Amino acid sequence: MMDEKRNKIFSRLNKPAFYLALLGAGKLVSDAFGYQIITDEQVNLIANGLASLVTVVGVAMGYEE
């Protein structure tokens, strides 16, 4: 029962990292072709915001018992 709960939490937390990886890959590809669609500052702001959100959700889920 506890393992199911842990797997559920980890699967939820892995998704934001996957989306940030896609964002970073898209930025690298667009920069390689000379298009600067997303700036480094925007990527940092998105990553920081998402990390903050995941932290708050993780803490809230931890106290749900």
PDB file of N, CA and C in Angstrom:
ATOM      1  N   MET A   1       0.823  -1.184   0.000  1.00  0.00           N
ATOM      2  CA  MET A   1       0.000   0.000   0.000  1.00  0.00           C
ATOM      3  C   MET A   1       0.875   1.259   0.000  1.00  0.00           C
ATOM      4  N   MET A   2       1.910   1.266   0.820  1.00  0.00           N
ATOM      5  CA  MET A   2       2.792   2.422   0.903  1.00  0.00           C
ATOM      6  C   MET A   2       3.604   2.587  -0.371  1.00  0.00           C
ATOM      7  N   ASP A   3       4.003   1.472  -0.997  1.00  0.00           N
ATOM      8  CA  ASP A   3       4.768   1.535  -2.237  1.00  0.00           C
ATOM      9  C   ASP A   3       3.932   2.141  -3.362  1.00  0.00           C
ATOM     10  N   GLU A   4       2.651   1.820  -3.384  1.00  0.00           N
ATOM     11  CA  GLU A   4       1.763   2.403  -4.400  1.00  0.00           C
ATOM     12  C   GLU A   4       1.708   3.911  -4.250  1.00  0.00           C
ATOM     13  N   LYS A   5       1.620   4.370  -3.029  1.00  0.00           N
ATOM     14  CA  LYS A   5       1.537   5.810  -2.768  1.00  0.00           C
ATOM     15  C   LYS A   5       2.844   6.500  -3.179  1.00  0.00           C
ATOM     16  N   ARG A   6       3.977   5.885  -2.865  1.00  0.00           N
ATOM     17  CA  ARG A   6       5.264   6.460  -3.244  1.00  0.00           C
ATOM     18  C   ARG A   6       5.424   6.505  -4.756  1.00  0.00           C
ATOM     19  N   ASN A   7       5.043   5.433  -5.438  1.00  0.00           N
ATOM     20  CA  ASN A   7       5.137   5.408  -6.891  1.00  0.00           C
ATOM     21  C   ASN A   7       4.255   6.473  -7.521  1.00  0.00           C
ATOM     22  N   LYS A   8       3.096   6.686  -6.954  1.00  0.00           N
ATOM     23  CA  LYS A   8       2.188   7.706  -7.458  1.00  0.00           C
ATOM     24  C   LYS A   8       2.797   9.104  -7.303  1.00  0.00           C
ATOM     25  N   ILE A   9       3.397   9.353  -6.154  1.00  0.00           N
ATOM     26  CA  ILE A   9       4.031  10.651  -5.909  1.00  0.00           C
ATOM     27  C   ILE A   9       5.208  10.849  -6.846  1.00  0.00           C
ATOM     28  N   PHE A  10       6.065   9.847  -6.988  1.00  0.00           N
ATOM     29  CA  PHE A  10       7.232   9.984  -7.849  1.00  0.00           C
ATOM     30  C   PHE A  10       6.839  10.143  -9.312  1.00  0.00           C
ATOM     31  N   SER A  11       5.781   9.482  -9.736  1.00  0.00           N
ATOM     32  CA  SER A  11       5.346   9.634 -11.126  1.00  0.00           C
ATOM     33  C   SER A  11       4.827  11.044 -11.373  1.00  0.00           C
ATOM     34  N   ARG A  12       4.191  11.617 -10.394  1.00  0.00           N
ATOM     35  CA  ARG A  12       3.719  12.996 -10.541  1.00  0.00           C
ATOM     36  C   ARG A  12       4.876  13.985 -10.573  1.00  0.00           C
ATOM     37  N   LEU A  13       5.905  13.718  -9.801  1.00  0.00           N
ATOM     38  CA  LEU A  13       7.029  14.643  -9.747  1.00  0.00           C
ATOM     39  C   LEU A  13       7.959  14.481 -10.943  1.00  0.00           C
ATOM     40  N   ASN A  14       7.927  13.352 -11.609  1.00  0.00           N
ATOM     41  CA  ASN A  14       8.772  13.156 -12.781  1.00  0.00           C
ATOM     42  C   ASN A  14       8.242  13.893 -13.996  1.00  0.00           C
ATOM     43  N   LYS A  15       6.973  14.117 -14.076  1.00  0.00           N
ATOM     44  CA  LYS A  15       6.389  14.784 -15.236  1.00  0.00           C
ATOM     45  C   LYS A  15       6.892  16.211 -15.418  1.00  0.00           C
ATOM     46  N   PRO A  16       6.957  17.042 -14.369  1.00  0.00           N
ATOM     47  CA  PRO A  16       7.489  18.401 -14.576  1.00  0.00           C
ATOM     48  C   PRO A  16       8.924  18.392 -15.082  1.00  0.00           C
ATOM     49  N   ALA A  17       9.738  17.476 -14.600  1.00  0.00           N
ATOM     50  CA  ALA A  17      11.120  17.397 -15.082  1.00  0.00           C
ATOM     51  C   ALA A  17      11.147  17.033 -16.557  1.00  0.00           C
ATOM     52  N   PHE A  18      10.249  16.171 -16.978  1.00  0.00           N
ATOM     53  CA  PHE A  18      10.164  15.794 -18.384  1.00  0.00           C
ATOM     54  C   PHE A  18       9.784  17.000 -19.241  1.00  0.00           C
ATOM     55  N   TYR A  19       8.822  17.791 -18.780  1.00  0.00           N
ATOM     56  CA  TYR A  19       8.404  18.969 -19.537  1.00  0.00           C
ATOM     57  C   TYR A  19       9.514  20.019 -19.612  1.00  0.00           C
ATOM     58  N   LEU A  20      10.265  20.180 -18.541  1.00  0.00           N
ATOM     59  CA  LEU A  20      11.389  21.115 -18.573  1.00  0.00           C
ATOM     60  C   LEU A  20      12.475  20.624 -19.522  1.00  0.00           C
ATOM     61  N   ALA A  21      12.681  19.309 -19.576  1.00  0.00           N
ATOM     62  CA  ALA A  21      13.656  18.757 -20.511  1.00  0.00           C
ATOM     63  C   ALA A  21      13.220  19.015 -21.947  1.00  0.00           C
ATOM     64  N   LEU A  22      11.938  18.866 -22.229  1.00  0.00           N
ATOM     65  CA  LEU A  22      11.433  19.168 -23.577  1.00  0.00           C
ATOM     66  C   LEU A  22      11.607  20.643 -23.916  1.00  0.00           C
ATOM     67  N   LEU A  23      11.353  21.508 -22.949  1.00  0.00           N
ATOM     68  CA  LEU A  23      11.540  22.934 -23.162  1.00  0.00           C
ATOM     69  C   LEU A  23      12.998  23.255 -23.465  1.00  0.00           C
ATOM     70  N   GLY A  24      13.909  22.672 -22.701  1.00  0.00           N
ATOM     71  CA  GLY A  24      15.333  22.887 -22.937  1.00  0.00           C
ATOM     72  C   GLY A  24      15.788  22.349 -24.279  1.00  0.00           C
ATOM     73  N   ALA A  25      15.278  21.178 -24.659  1.00  0.00           N
ATOM     74  CA  ALA A  25      15.646  20.600 -25.957  1.00  0.00           C
ATOM     75  C   ALA A  25      15.123  21.472 -27.097  1.00  0.00           C
ATOM     76  N   GLY A  26      13.915  21.956 -26.960  1.00  0.00           N
ATOM     77  CA  GLY A  26      13.362  22.846 -27.983  1.00  0.00           C
ATOM     78  C   GLY A  26      14.166  24.125 -28.122  1.00  0.00           C
ATOM     79  N   LYS A  27      14.625  24.645 -26.985  1.00  0.00           N
ATOM     80  CA  LYS A  27      15.449  25.854 -27.023  1.00  0.00           C
ATOM     81  C   LYS A  27      16.772  25.589 -27.714  1.00  0.00           C
ATOM     82  N   LEU A  28      17.403  24.458 -27.399  1.00  0.00           N
ATOM     83  CA  LEU A  28      18.677  24.130 -28.037  1.00  0.00           C
ATOM     84  C   LEU A  28      18.536  23.963 -29.547  1.00  0.00           C
ATOM     85  N   VAL A  29      17.476  23.299 -29.968  1.00  0.00           N
ATOM     86  CA  VAL A  29      17.267  23.086 -31.399  1.00  0.00           C
ATOM     87  C   VAL A  29      16.987  24.409 -32.100  1.00  0.00           C
ATOM     88  N   SER A  30      16.132  25.232 -31.510  1.00  0.00           N
ATOM     89  CA  SER A  30      15.823  26.516 -32.151  1.00  0.00           C
ATOM     90  C   SER A  30      17.047  27.428 -32.196  1.00  0.00           C
ATOM     91  N   ASP A  31      17.850  27.419 -31.150  1.00  0.00           N
ATOM     92  CA  ASP A  31      19.077  28.224 -31.150  1.00  0.00           C
ATOM     93  C   ASP A  31      20.085  27.712 -32.177  1.00  0.00           C
ATOM     94  N   ALA A  32      20.126  26.401 -32.373  1.00  0.00           N
ATOM     95  CA  ALA A  32      21.055  25.831 -33.348  1.00  0.00           C
ATOM     96  C   ALA A  32      20.727  26.279 -34.769  1.00  0.00           C
ATOM     97  N   PHE A  33      19.452  26.513 -35.039  1.00  0.00           N
ATOM     98  CA  PHE A  33      19.039  26.964 -36.365  1.00  0.00           C
ATOM     99  C   PHE A  33      18.970  28.481 -36.470  1.00  0.00           C
ATOM    100  N   GLY A  34      19.373  29.183 -35.420  1.00  0.00           N
ATOM    101  CA  GLY A  34      19.446  30.637 -35.463  1.00  0.00           C
ATOM    102  C   GLY A  34      18.177  31.355 -35.038  1.00  0.00           C
ATOM    103  N   TYR A  35      17.193  30.638 -34.529  1.00  0.00           N
ATOM    104  CA  TYR A  35      15.961  31.259 -34.054  1.00  0.00           C
ATOM    105  C   TYR A  35      15.981  31.304 -32.538  1.00  0.00           C
ATOM    106  N   GLN A  36      15.868  32.518 -32.002  1.00  0.00           N
ATOM    107  CA  GLN A  36      15.829  32.635 -30.547  1.00  0.00           C
ATOM    108  C   GLN A  36      14.386  32.920 -30.138  1.00  0.00           C
ATOM    109  N   ILE A  37      13.623  31.843 -30.001  1.00  0.00           N
ATOM    110  CA  ILE A  37      12.204  31.945 -29.659  1.00  0.00           C
ATOM    111  C   ILE A  37      12.046  32.144 -28.153  1.00  0.00           C
ATOM    112  N   ILE A  38      12.802  31.392 -27.383  1.00  0.00           N
ATOM    113  CA  ILE A  38      12.736  31.450 -25.923  1.00  0.00           C
ATOM    114  C   ILE A  38      14.106  31.892 -25.418  1.00  0.00           C
ATOM    115  N   THR A  39      14.133  32.919 -24.586  1.00  0.00           N
ATOM    116  CA  THR A  39      15.404  33.394 -24.050  1.00  0.00           C
ATOM    117  C   THR A  39      15.826  32.557 -22.843  1.00  0.00           C
ATOM    118  N   ASP A  40      17.088  32.660 -22.498  1.00  0.00           N
ATOM    119  CA  ASP A  40      17.591  31.941 -21.323  1.00  0.00           C
ATOM    120  C   ASP A  40      16.862  32.386 -20.058  1.00  0.00           C
ATOM    121  N   GLU A  41      16.565  33.674 -19.977  1.00  0.00           N
ATOM    122  CA  GLU A  41      15.880  34.195 -18.791  1.00  0.00           C
ATOM    123  C   GLU A  41      14.472  33.598 -18.670  1.00  0.00           C
ATOM    124  N   GLN A  42      13.787  33.456 -19.803  1.00  0.00           N
ATOM    125  CA  GLN A  42      12.449  32.860 -19.766  1.00  0.00           C
ATOM    126  C   GLN A  42      12.502  31.394 -19.339  1.00  0.00           C
ATOM    127  N   VAL A  43      13.485  30.663 -19.823  1.00  0.00           N
ATOM    128  CA  VAL A  43      13.635  29.261 -19.418  1.00  0.00           C
ATOM    129  C   VAL A  43      13.895  29.180 -17.920  1.00  0.00           C
ATOM    130  N   ASN A  44      14.749  30.056 -17.406  1.00  0.00           N
ATOM    131  CA  ASN A  44      15.031  30.062 -15.968  1.00  0.00           C
ATOM    132  C   ASN A  44      13.782  30.402 -15.152  1.00  0.00           C
ATOM    133  N   LEU A  45      13.001  31.371 -15.617  1.00  0.00           N
ATOM    134  CA  LEU A  45      11.782  31.744 -14.902  1.00  0.00           C
ATOM    135  C   LEU A  45      10.770  30.598 -14.898  1.00  0.00           C
ATOM    136  N   ILE A  46      10.613  29.932 -16.025  1.00  0.00           N
ATOM    137  CA  ILE A  46       9.683  28.802 -16.104  1.00  0.00           C
ATOM    138  C   ILE A  46      10.149  27.675 -15.188  1.00  0.00           C
ATOM    139  N   ALA A  47      11.435  27.368 -15.231  1.00  0.00           N
ATOM    140  CA  ALA A  47      11.970  26.284 -14.394  1.00  0.00           C
ATOM    141  C   ALA A  47      11.828  26.605 -12.911  1.00  0.00           C
ATOM    142  N   ASN A  48      12.116  27.832 -12.521  1.00  0.00           N
ATOM    143  CA  ASN A  48      11.990  28.221 -11.117  1.00  0.00           C
ATOM    144  C   ASN A  48      10.535  28.187 -10.655  1.00  0.00           C
ATOM    145  N   GLY A  49       9.636  28.659 -11.488  1.00  0.00           N
ATOM    146  CA  GLY A  49       8.219  28.645 -11.137  1.00  0.00           C
ATOM    147  C   GLY A  49       7.690  27.231 -10.999  1.00  0.00           C
ATOM    148  N   LEU A  50       8.067  26.374 -11.926  1.00  0.00           N
ATOM    149  CA  LEU A  50       7.608  24.993 -11.874  1.00  0.00           C
ATOM    150  C   LEU A  50       8.211  24.255 -10.680  1.00  0.00           C
ATOM    151  N   ALA A  51       9.473  24.517 -10.391  1.00  0.00           N
ATOM    152  CA  ALA A  51      10.111  23.888  -9.231  1.00  0.00           C
ATOM    153  C   ALA A  51       9.437  24.337  -7.932  1.00  0.00           C
ATOM    154  N   SER A  52       9.082  25.599  -7.845  1.00  0.00           N
ATOM    155  CA  SER A  52       8.381  26.097  -6.657  1.00  0.00           C
ATOM    156  C   SER A  52       7.016  25.441  -6.504  1.00  0.00           C
ATOM    157  N   LEU A  53       6.306  25.324  -7.608  1.00  0.00           N
ATOM    158  CA  LEU A  53       4.989  24.698  -7.583  1.00  0.00           C
ATOM    159  C   LEU A  53       5.072  23.232  -7.171  1.00  0.00           C
ATOM    160  N   VAL A  54       6.033  22.509  -7.714  1.00  0.00           N
ATOM    161  CA  VAL A  54       6.202  21.098  -7.377  1.00  0.00           C
ATOM    162  C   VAL A  54       6.586  20.935  -5.911  1.00  0.00           C
ATOM    163  N   THR A  55       7.391  21.841  -5.390  1.00  0.00           N
ATOM    164  CA  THR A  55       7.778  21.789  -3.983  1.00  0.00           C
ATOM    165  C   THR A  55       6.570  21.970  -3.072  1.00  0.00           C
ATOM    166  N   VAL A  56       5.743  22.934  -3.368  1.00  0.00           N
ATOM    167  CA  VAL A  56       4.552  23.187  -2.553  1.00  0.00           C
ATOM    168  C   VAL A  56       3.592  22.003  -2.640  1.00  0.00           C
ATOM    169  N   VAL A  57       3.382  21.482  -3.837  1.00  0.00           N
ATOM    170  CA  VAL A  57       2.480  20.335  -4.009  1.00  0.00           C
ATOM    171  C   VAL A  57       3.048  19.110  -3.289  1.00  0.00           C
ATOM    172  N   GLY A  58       4.355  18.908  -3.381  1.00  0.00           N
ATOM    173  CA  GLY A  58       4.978  17.777  -2.697  1.00  0.00           C
ATOM    174  C   GLY A  58       4.825  17.851  -1.193  1.00  0.00           C
ATOM    175  N   VAL A  59       4.984  19.026  -0.634  1.00  0.00           N
ATOM    176  CA  VAL A  59       4.815  19.205   0.812  1.00  0.00           C
ATOM    177  C   VAL A  59       3.358  18.980   1.192  1.00  0.00           C
ATOM    178  N   ALA A  60       2.438  19.496   0.412  1.00  0.00           N
ATOM    179  CA  ALA A  60       1.018  19.317   0.710  1.00  0.00           C
ATOM    180  C   ALA A  60       0.624  17.845   0.621  1.00  0.00           C
ATOM    181  N   MET A  61       1.151  17.128  -0.327  1.00  0.00           N
ATOM    182  CA  MET A  61       0.840  15.711  -0.470  1.00  0.00           C
ATOM    183  C   MET A  61       1.450  14.894   0.662  1.00  0.00           C
ATOM    184  N   GLY A  62       2.564  15.350   1.198  1.00  0.00           N
ATOM    185  CA  GLY A  62       3.224  14.644   2.287  1.00  0.00           C
ATOM    186  C   GLY A  62       2.423  14.679   3.569  1.00  0.00           C
ATOM    187  N   TYR A  63       1.637  15.728   3.778  1.00  0.00           N
ATOM    188  CA  TYR A  63       0.858  15.868   4.988  1.00  0.00           C
ATOM    189  C   TYR A  63      -0.586  15.387   4.824  1.00  0.00           C
ATOM    190  N   GLU A  64      -0.872  14.744   3.725  1.00  0.00           N
ATOM    191  CA  GLU A  64      -2.222  14.316   3.413  1.00  0.00           C
ATOM    192  C   GLU A  64      -2.674  13.109   4.229  1.00  0.00           C
ATOM    193  N   GLU A  65      -1.793  12.416   4.886  1.00  0.00           N
ATOM    194  CA  GLU A  65      -2.105  11.180   5.604  1.00  0.00           C
ATOM    195  C   GLU A  65      -3.128  11.426   6.612  1.00  0.00           C
TER     196      GLU A  65
END
